[in-house]
């Protein structure tokens, strides 16, 4: 549904060029949720502007369902943008309008008649669970409710794509979960394709099917969530299934284990101790369920007499990825 190819954006600042996006490529299938994660300055805001044609890319393309949006003429840009619903960090509602009137605004701009607008707004408010707040003003709503209004407004034009730019970073943890669950539910019910721009790994963990890590204007890692989480050396894998730092004072070798799928539920350590008649000290551990699959990460220390190469070979035969940490 969404295909971004070799997207590049260069800004001119005085006598020098600043490369904000440097060959970004990604693909998001219809009906799935893709997370774009990165720190401040990674290029996330520029990517949003290029995806919505608020900025024209220097080169490359953005296609939705086979149509190259970067090739449309200026006169057609507004129509092309309607295929993308936007949800922002702050809902940016109009204080003088009720909930229903805020949701109706894009329909009014599109030239809908009042008789058409009212039932459409009622349907959208039901979708986001605000049918009882149609006459409320933004000041009377909680932060989560205001964000729900923003989501309803973004869906008003029946877009193919929902682009969410840090949609939960201004919300408390419980409200964040509620909004993410709503986005996930709407994705399934409406067969939307969703891009979520975020700096929060918990957002990716909770609802994303795939993820791209943006750094310095480039995608340095990416793929289906279960694939990137299974890469023991990957930056994303270590962020998705993190381990706390643990001091190691001498002793035997230290290994980091990544267990995915079936191996995450197997008694790997008990098998290891029996097979090699060795003590295993568990320094840290973590288990996550990502995209419906279980992943576990452990940091262990063996006694100094254990043949580490044989242990690594044995663990590999059990479907466990191993890194020698110390």
Foldseek 3Di string as FASTA:
>chain_A
DKWWFQFWAWDDDPPDIATLAGTATDDFDFLFEEEEAEDPSLNLVVVVCCQLVVDQTPDTFIDDPRRTLSPDDPVCSVVVNLLEFEQEQALPFDQVAFLLVRLLVVVVVVPDDPVVSVVLSCVLCVLLVNNVRRGPGPVVDDRLVSSSSSVSSSCSSVHQEYEYENNPPVDDPVSSLVVLVSVQVCSVVSRHTYYYYHNDVVSCQPGHQKYFYGGNNYGPDIDGPLVQLQPVPHPNVCVNWPKDDFDDDDFAWKKKKKAKAPLVPDPVVVVLCVVQVWDKAWRTKTWGQGPNIIMMMTIIGTGHVDDVVVSCVVCVVSVMHMDGDD
